[in-house]
Each structure stands twice: as structure tokens, then as C-alpha cells.
Amino acid sequence: MPNTTGTGAVRMSPKSIATNFLEASKFMAVESTRTALECSTPQIRRAFSRMIDDHLRLAEDWFEVMERKGWYRVVPGDDQTLNMVRGEARDFGAYGGSGSLGTIGRGGRFPEDWATETNR
């Protein structure tokens, strides 16, 4: 039997509420990105970029709450997968990619701990 209030409304657990807010933040970040890519003027694109940043910060905040409470567990990646992602990120930047993958670290360089692994 569902957990309901005296009015018949379904009660949501704190975990369900946090999950919904996290998913909504991620959804809005993705949809705002799609919209920004379709904008006809740089000013509107910049406005959407600011909105995207807000949604990403909110998603990060909700993730941190959920992780701290044990509601969202992150499984560390294995070395093979991490090396593959590092290589793809390096290749993306080498071919003129932009955004976070194309400009990792200062001046488009990888963090120091990656340099020895990816630049052999």
C-alpha cells in the first residue's frame, strides 16, 4: 500500500526527492545545452551558458548530498577504462576540440598526474 497523506497525496522519501531534483538538474543542463546550440545570437547563447552553469552546479550539489547520505554510490573506474578515457580526451583536444575535454588543465594541458601516462 503506498505511503499517503490524509489527503491521499503520495509521500515521497527524502531520497526520492533528492533523486528527482538531481535528475531534473541534469535534464535541464542537457536541454539548455541543446537550446544554446540552436541560438541565433551570441548574447542568447551566453545567457543559456549561464543557465547551464547553474544547472550543473545544482546537479553537483544534489549529487554531493546524495553521496554523503549513501544514496548515490560511485564505483571507481578500472585502470583500463580510465586510460581509454584519458586517451580519448587527449585525442579530442589534439584535433581542435573545445570545451572541457579540449582544454583540460591550464593552457589545454592535462593535469600533471596524467602527463606521464598519456604522453608516452
N, C-alpha and C. Protein backbone atom coordinates (compact mmCIF):
# COMPACT_ATOMS: atom_id res chain seq x y z
N MET A 1 0.84 -1.17 0.00
CA MET A 1 0.00 0.00 0.00
C MET A 1 0.89 1.24 0.00
N PRO A 2 0.64 2.21 -0.90
CA PRO A 2 1.51 3.38 -0.99
C PRO A 2 1.44 4.23 0.26
N ASN A 3 2.53 4.90 0.55
CA ASN A 3 2.61 5.81 1.68
C ASN A 3 1.89 7.11 1.29
N THR A 4 0.72 7.36 1.88
CA THR A 4 -0.07 8.53 1.51
C THR A 4 -0.35 9.40 2.72
N THR A 5 -0.70 10.64 2.44
CA THR A 5 -1.10 11.56 3.50
C THR A 5 -2.59 11.40 3.71
N GLY A 6 -3.14 12.15 4.67
CA GLY A 6 -4.57 12.09 4.91
C GLY A 6 -5.39 12.57 3.73
N THR A 7 -4.78 13.34 2.84
CA THR A 7 -5.50 13.87 1.66
C THR A 7 -5.39 12.94 0.47
N GLY A 8 -4.66 11.85 0.62
CA GLY A 8 -4.50 10.91 -0.49
C GLY A 8 -3.26 11.17 -1.33
N ALA A 9 -2.54 12.26 -1.05
CA ALA A 9 -1.32 12.55 -1.79
C ALA A 9 -0.24 11.55 -1.39
N VAL A 10 0.56 11.13 -2.34
CA VAL A 10 1.64 10.17 -2.07
C VAL A 10 2.82 10.91 -1.46
N ARG A 11 3.32 10.37 -0.37
CA ARG A 11 4.51 10.94 0.27
C ARG A 11 5.75 10.43 -0.44
N MET A 12 6.70 11.32 -0.58
CA MET A 12 7.99 10.94 -1.17
C MET A 12 9.04 10.94 -0.08
N SER A 13 9.93 9.96 -0.15
CA SER A 13 11.03 9.91 0.82
C SER A 13 12.04 11.00 0.48
N PRO A 14 12.85 11.41 1.44
CA PRO A 14 13.91 12.38 1.14
C PRO A 14 14.82 11.91 0.01
N LYS A 15 15.10 10.60 -0.04
CA LYS A 15 15.94 10.07 -1.12
C LYS A 15 15.26 10.25 -2.47
N SER A 16 13.96 10.00 -2.56
CA SER A 16 13.23 10.18 -3.83
C SER A 16 13.21 11.63 -4.25
N ILE A 17 13.02 12.52 -3.28
CA ILE A 17 13.01 13.95 -3.59
C ILE A 17 14.37 14.38 -4.14
N ALA A 18 15.45 13.98 -3.45
CA ALA A 18 16.79 14.34 -3.89
C ALA A 18 17.08 13.76 -5.28
N THR A 19 16.66 12.51 -5.51
CA THR A 19 16.86 11.88 -6.83
C THR A 19 16.13 12.66 -7.91
N ASN A 20 14.90 13.07 -7.64
CA ASN A 20 14.15 13.84 -8.63
C ASN A 20 14.80 15.18 -8.92
N PHE A 21 15.31 15.86 -7.88
CA PHE A 21 15.98 17.14 -8.11
C PHE A 21 17.27 16.95 -8.90
N LEU A 22 18.03 15.90 -8.58
CA LEU A 22 19.26 15.62 -9.33
C LEU A 22 18.95 15.35 -10.79
N GLU A 23 17.97 14.49 -11.05
CA GLU A 23 17.61 14.15 -12.42
C GLU A 23 17.08 15.37 -13.18
N ALA A 24 16.29 16.21 -12.50
CA ALA A 24 15.77 17.42 -13.14
C ALA A 24 16.91 18.38 -13.48
N SER A 25 17.89 18.51 -12.59
CA SER A 25 19.04 19.39 -12.85
C SER A 25 19.84 18.91 -14.05
N LYS A 26 20.07 17.60 -14.11
CA LYS A 26 20.82 17.04 -15.25
C LYS A 26 20.04 17.21 -16.55
N PHE A 27 18.74 16.94 -16.50
CA PHE A 27 17.89 17.09 -17.68
C PHE A 27 17.92 18.53 -18.19
N MET A 28 17.79 19.49 -17.27
CA MET A 28 17.78 20.90 -17.67
C MET A 28 19.13 21.33 -18.24
N ALA A 29 20.22 20.80 -17.69
CA ALA A 29 21.55 21.12 -18.23
C ALA A 29 21.66 20.63 -19.67
N VAL A 30 21.20 19.41 -19.93
CA VAL A 30 21.26 18.85 -21.29
C VAL A 30 20.35 19.63 -22.24
N GLU A 31 19.13 19.87 -21.83
CA GLU A 31 18.19 20.56 -22.71
C GLU A 31 18.60 22.01 -22.95
N SER A 32 19.16 22.66 -21.94
CA SER A 32 19.65 24.03 -22.13
C SER A 32 20.83 24.05 -23.09
N THR A 33 21.65 23.00 -23.05
CA THR A 33 22.78 22.90 -23.99
C THR A 33 22.26 22.75 -25.41
N ARG A 34 21.28 21.89 -25.60
CA ARG A 34 20.69 21.74 -26.93
C ARG A 34 20.13 23.07 -27.44
N THR A 35 19.44 23.77 -26.56
CA THR A 35 18.85 25.06 -26.96
C THR A 35 19.94 26.07 -27.27
N ALA A 36 20.99 26.12 -26.45
CA ALA A 36 22.09 27.06 -26.69
C ALA A 36 22.73 26.83 -28.05
N LEU A 37 22.85 25.57 -28.45
CA LEU A 37 23.46 25.26 -29.74
C LEU A 37 22.61 25.74 -30.92
N GLU A 38 21.33 25.95 -30.67
CA GLU A 38 20.42 26.40 -31.73
C GLU A 38 20.20 27.91 -31.74
N CYS A 39 20.79 28.63 -30.78
CA CYS A 39 20.56 30.07 -30.68
C CYS A 39 21.17 30.82 -31.86
N SER A 40 20.47 31.86 -32.27
CA SER A 40 20.91 32.63 -33.43
C SER A 40 21.85 33.76 -33.07
N THR A 41 21.95 34.14 -31.81
CA THR A 41 22.82 35.26 -31.44
C THR A 41 23.73 34.87 -30.29
N PRO A 42 24.93 35.44 -30.26
CA PRO A 42 25.87 35.14 -29.17
C PRO A 42 25.32 35.54 -27.81
N GLN A 43 24.56 36.64 -27.74
CA GLN A 43 24.04 37.09 -26.45
C GLN A 43 23.10 36.05 -25.85
N ILE A 44 22.23 35.47 -26.67
CA ILE A 44 21.30 34.46 -26.16
C ILE A 44 22.06 33.20 -25.80
N ARG A 45 23.07 32.84 -26.61
CA ARG A 45 23.89 31.67 -26.29
C ARG A 45 24.58 31.84 -24.93
N ARG A 46 25.10 33.05 -24.67
CA ARG A 46 25.76 33.31 -23.38
C ARG A 46 24.76 33.20 -22.23
N ALA A 47 23.55 33.69 -22.44
CA ALA A 47 22.53 33.58 -21.39
C ALA A 47 22.25 32.11 -21.09
N PHE A 48 22.14 31.29 -22.13
CA PHE A 48 21.93 29.86 -21.90
C PHE A 48 23.14 29.22 -21.26
N SER A 49 24.33 29.68 -21.60
CA SER A 49 25.54 29.14 -20.98
C SER A 49 25.53 29.39 -19.48
N ARG A 50 25.07 30.57 -19.06
CA ARG A 50 24.97 30.85 -17.63
C ARG A 50 23.93 29.93 -16.98
N MET A 51 22.82 29.71 -17.67
CA MET A 51 21.80 28.80 -17.14
C MET A 51 22.36 27.38 -17.02
N ILE A 52 23.12 26.96 -18.02
CA ILE A 52 23.73 25.62 -17.99
C ILE A 52 24.64 25.50 -16.77
N ASP A 53 25.48 26.53 -16.54
CA ASP A 53 26.36 26.51 -15.38
C ASP A 53 25.57 26.37 -14.08
N ASP A 54 24.45 27.09 -13.98
CA ASP A 54 23.60 26.99 -12.79
C ASP A 54 23.07 25.57 -12.61
N HIS A 55 22.60 24.97 -13.71
CA HIS A 55 22.06 23.61 -13.62
C HIS A 55 23.15 22.61 -13.24
N LEU A 56 24.36 22.80 -13.78
CA LEU A 56 25.47 21.91 -13.43
C LEU A 56 25.84 22.03 -11.96
N ARG A 57 25.85 23.27 -11.44
CA ARG A 57 26.14 23.46 -10.02
C ARG A 57 25.07 22.80 -9.15
N LEU A 58 23.80 22.97 -9.53
CA LEU A 58 22.72 22.34 -8.78
C LEU A 58 22.85 20.82 -8.79
N ALA A 59 23.15 20.26 -9.96
CA ALA A 59 23.31 18.81 -10.05
C ALA A 59 24.46 18.34 -9.16
N GLU A 60 25.55 19.11 -9.17
CA GLU A 60 26.69 18.74 -8.33
C GLU A 60 26.30 18.81 -6.84
N ASP A 61 25.57 19.84 -6.46
CA ASP A 61 25.13 19.97 -5.07
C ASP A 61 24.25 18.79 -4.66
N TRP A 62 23.28 18.43 -5.51
CA TRP A 62 22.39 17.31 -5.19
C TRP A 62 23.17 16.00 -5.15
N PHE A 63 24.11 15.83 -6.07
CA PHE A 63 24.95 14.63 -6.07
C PHE A 63 25.72 14.53 -4.75
N GLU A 64 26.32 15.65 -4.31
CA GLU A 64 27.10 15.62 -3.08
C GLU A 64 26.24 15.26 -1.87
N VAL A 65 25.02 15.81 -1.82
CA VAL A 65 24.10 15.46 -0.73
C VAL A 65 23.81 13.96 -0.76
N MET A 66 23.47 13.46 -1.94
CA MET A 66 23.11 12.04 -2.07
C MET A 66 24.29 11.13 -1.76
N GLU A 67 25.47 11.50 -2.23
CA GLU A 67 26.65 10.68 -1.97
C GLU A 67 26.97 10.66 -0.47
N ARG A 68 26.89 11.83 0.16
CA ARG A 68 27.18 11.93 1.59
C ARG A 68 26.22 11.06 2.41
N LYS A 69 24.97 10.97 2.00
CA LYS A 69 23.98 10.18 2.73
C LYS A 69 23.99 8.70 2.32
N GLY A 70 24.83 8.35 1.35
CA GLY A 70 24.91 6.96 0.91
C GLY A 70 23.83 6.58 -0.08
N TRP A 71 23.15 7.56 -0.66
CA TRP A 71 22.07 7.31 -1.62
C TRP A 71 22.58 7.21 -3.04
N TYR A 72 23.80 7.62 -3.29
CA TYR A 72 24.38 7.61 -4.64
C TYR A 72 25.81 7.12 -4.50
N ARG A 73 26.05 5.94 -4.94
CA ARG A 73 27.38 5.36 -4.81
C ARG A 73 28.10 5.41 -6.16
N VAL A 74 29.34 5.81 -6.09
CA VAL A 74 30.16 5.89 -7.30
C VAL A 74 31.17 4.76 -7.27
N VAL A 75 31.22 3.99 -8.32
CA VAL A 75 32.18 2.89 -8.42
C VAL A 75 33.41 3.43 -9.16
N PRO A 76 34.58 3.34 -8.54
CA PRO A 76 35.79 3.82 -9.21
C PRO A 76 36.03 3.06 -10.52
N GLY A 77 36.52 3.78 -11.51
CA GLY A 77 36.82 3.15 -12.79
C GLY A 77 38.07 2.30 -12.71
N ASP A 78 38.12 1.26 -13.51
CA ASP A 78 39.32 0.44 -13.56
C ASP A 78 40.37 1.15 -14.41
N ASP A 79 41.63 0.74 -14.27
CA ASP A 79 42.73 1.40 -14.97
C ASP A 79 42.56 1.39 -16.48
N GLN A 80 42.08 0.30 -17.04
CA GLN A 80 41.92 0.21 -18.49
C GLN A 80 40.91 1.26 -18.98
N THR A 81 39.77 1.38 -18.31
CA THR A 81 38.76 2.35 -18.72
C THR A 81 39.27 3.77 -18.53
N LEU A 82 39.93 4.05 -17.42
CA LEU A 82 40.46 5.39 -17.18
C LEU A 82 41.48 5.78 -18.24
N ASN A 83 42.37 4.85 -18.59
CA ASN A 83 43.36 5.14 -19.63
C ASN A 83 42.70 5.38 -20.98
N MET A 84 41.65 4.63 -21.29
CA MET A 84 40.93 4.83 -22.55
C MET A 84 40.31 6.23 -22.59
N VAL A 85 39.67 6.63 -21.50
CA VAL A 85 39.03 7.95 -21.45
C VAL A 85 40.09 9.05 -21.55
N ARG A 86 41.20 8.88 -20.85
CA ARG A 86 42.28 9.87 -20.92
C ARG A 86 42.79 9.99 -22.35
N GLY A 87 42.96 8.87 -23.03
CA GLY A 87 43.43 8.90 -24.42
C GLY A 87 42.43 9.58 -25.34
N GLU A 88 41.16 9.28 -25.17
CA GLU A 88 40.14 9.93 -25.99
C GLU A 88 40.08 11.43 -25.73
N ALA A 89 40.23 11.82 -24.47
CA ALA A 89 40.23 13.25 -24.14
C ALA A 89 41.44 13.94 -24.76
N ARG A 90 42.59 13.28 -24.69
CA ARG A 90 43.81 13.84 -25.29
C ARG A 90 43.63 13.99 -26.80
N ASP A 91 43.09 12.95 -27.45
CA ASP A 91 42.89 12.99 -28.89
C ASP A 91 41.88 14.07 -29.26
N PHE A 92 40.83 14.22 -28.48
CA PHE A 92 39.82 15.24 -28.75
C PHE A 92 40.45 16.62 -28.75
N GLY A 93 41.30 16.90 -27.75
CA GLY A 93 41.98 18.19 -27.68
C GLY A 93 42.97 18.38 -28.82
N ALA A 94 43.66 17.31 -29.22
CA ALA A 94 44.64 17.39 -30.29
C ALA A 94 44.00 17.72 -31.63
N TYR A 95 42.74 17.32 -31.82
CA TYR A 95 42.06 17.58 -33.08
C TYR A 95 41.23 18.85 -33.05
N GLY A 96 41.54 19.75 -32.10
CA GLY A 96 40.88 21.04 -32.09
C GLY A 96 39.56 21.06 -31.36
N GLY A 97 39.29 20.02 -30.57
CA GLY A 97 38.05 20.03 -29.79
C GLY A 97 38.06 21.16 -28.78
N SER A 98 36.89 21.59 -28.41
CA SER A 98 36.81 22.64 -27.41
C SER A 98 35.96 22.15 -26.25
N GLY A 99 35.80 23.00 -25.28
CA GLY A 99 35.03 22.61 -24.11
C GLY A 99 35.95 21.95 -23.09
N SER A 100 35.38 21.30 -22.11
CA SER A 100 36.18 20.78 -21.01
C SER A 100 37.18 19.73 -21.47
N LEU A 101 36.82 18.88 -22.43
CA LEU A 101 37.76 17.86 -22.87
C LEU A 101 38.90 18.43 -23.67
N GLY A 102 38.65 19.49 -24.44
CA GLY A 102 39.69 20.08 -25.27
C GLY A 102 40.59 21.04 -24.52
N THR A 103 40.22 21.43 -23.31
CA THR A 103 41.00 22.40 -22.57
C THR A 103 41.25 21.94 -21.15
N ILE A 104 41.54 20.68 -20.99
CA ILE A 104 41.78 20.14 -19.65
C ILE A 104 43.05 20.77 -19.08
N GLY A 105 42.97 21.21 -17.86
CA GLY A 105 44.11 21.80 -17.19
C GLY A 105 44.42 23.19 -17.72
N ARG A 106 45.56 23.72 -17.31
CA ARG A 106 45.95 25.06 -17.74
C ARG A 106 46.49 25.02 -19.16
N GLY A 107 46.09 25.95 -19.97
CA GLY A 107 46.62 26.06 -21.32
C GLY A 107 46.35 24.85 -22.18
N GLY A 108 45.27 24.11 -21.91
CA GLY A 108 44.93 22.95 -22.71
C GLY A 108 45.75 21.71 -22.39
N ARG A 109 46.57 21.78 -21.32
CA ARG A 109 47.37 20.61 -20.95
C ARG A 109 46.63 19.76 -19.93
N PHE A 110 46.98 18.51 -19.87
CA PHE A 110 46.40 17.61 -18.90
C PHE A 110 47.01 17.87 -17.53
N PRO A 111 46.29 17.51 -16.48
CA PRO A 111 46.88 17.62 -15.14
C PRO A 111 48.18 16.83 -15.08
N GLU A 112 49.05 17.25 -14.20
CA GLU A 112 50.38 16.65 -14.12
C GLU A 112 50.35 15.14 -13.93
N ASP A 113 49.42 14.63 -13.16
CA ASP A 113 49.40 13.19 -12.92
C ASP A 113 49.01 12.40 -14.17
N TRP A 114 48.41 13.07 -15.14
CA TRP A 114 48.05 12.40 -16.39
C TRP A 114 49.18 12.47 -17.40
N ALA A 115 50.01 13.48 -17.29
CA ALA A 115 51.01 13.75 -18.32
C ALA A 115 51.92 12.56 -18.58
N THR A 116 52.38 11.91 -17.54
CA THR A 116 53.30 10.79 -17.74
C THR A 116 52.60 9.59 -18.33
N GLU A 117 51.30 9.42 -18.02
CA GLU A 117 50.56 8.27 -18.53
C GLU A 117 50.13 8.45 -19.98
N THR A 118 49.81 9.68 -20.38
CA THR A 118 49.20 9.88 -21.69
C THR A 118 50.18 10.41 -22.75
N ASN A 119 51.32 10.89 -22.35
CA ASN A 119 52.25 11.49 -23.31
C ASN A 119 53.49 10.64 -23.54
N ARG A 120 53.32 9.33 -23.44
CA ARG A 120 54.47 8.43 -23.67
C ARG A 120 54.68 8.20 -25.13
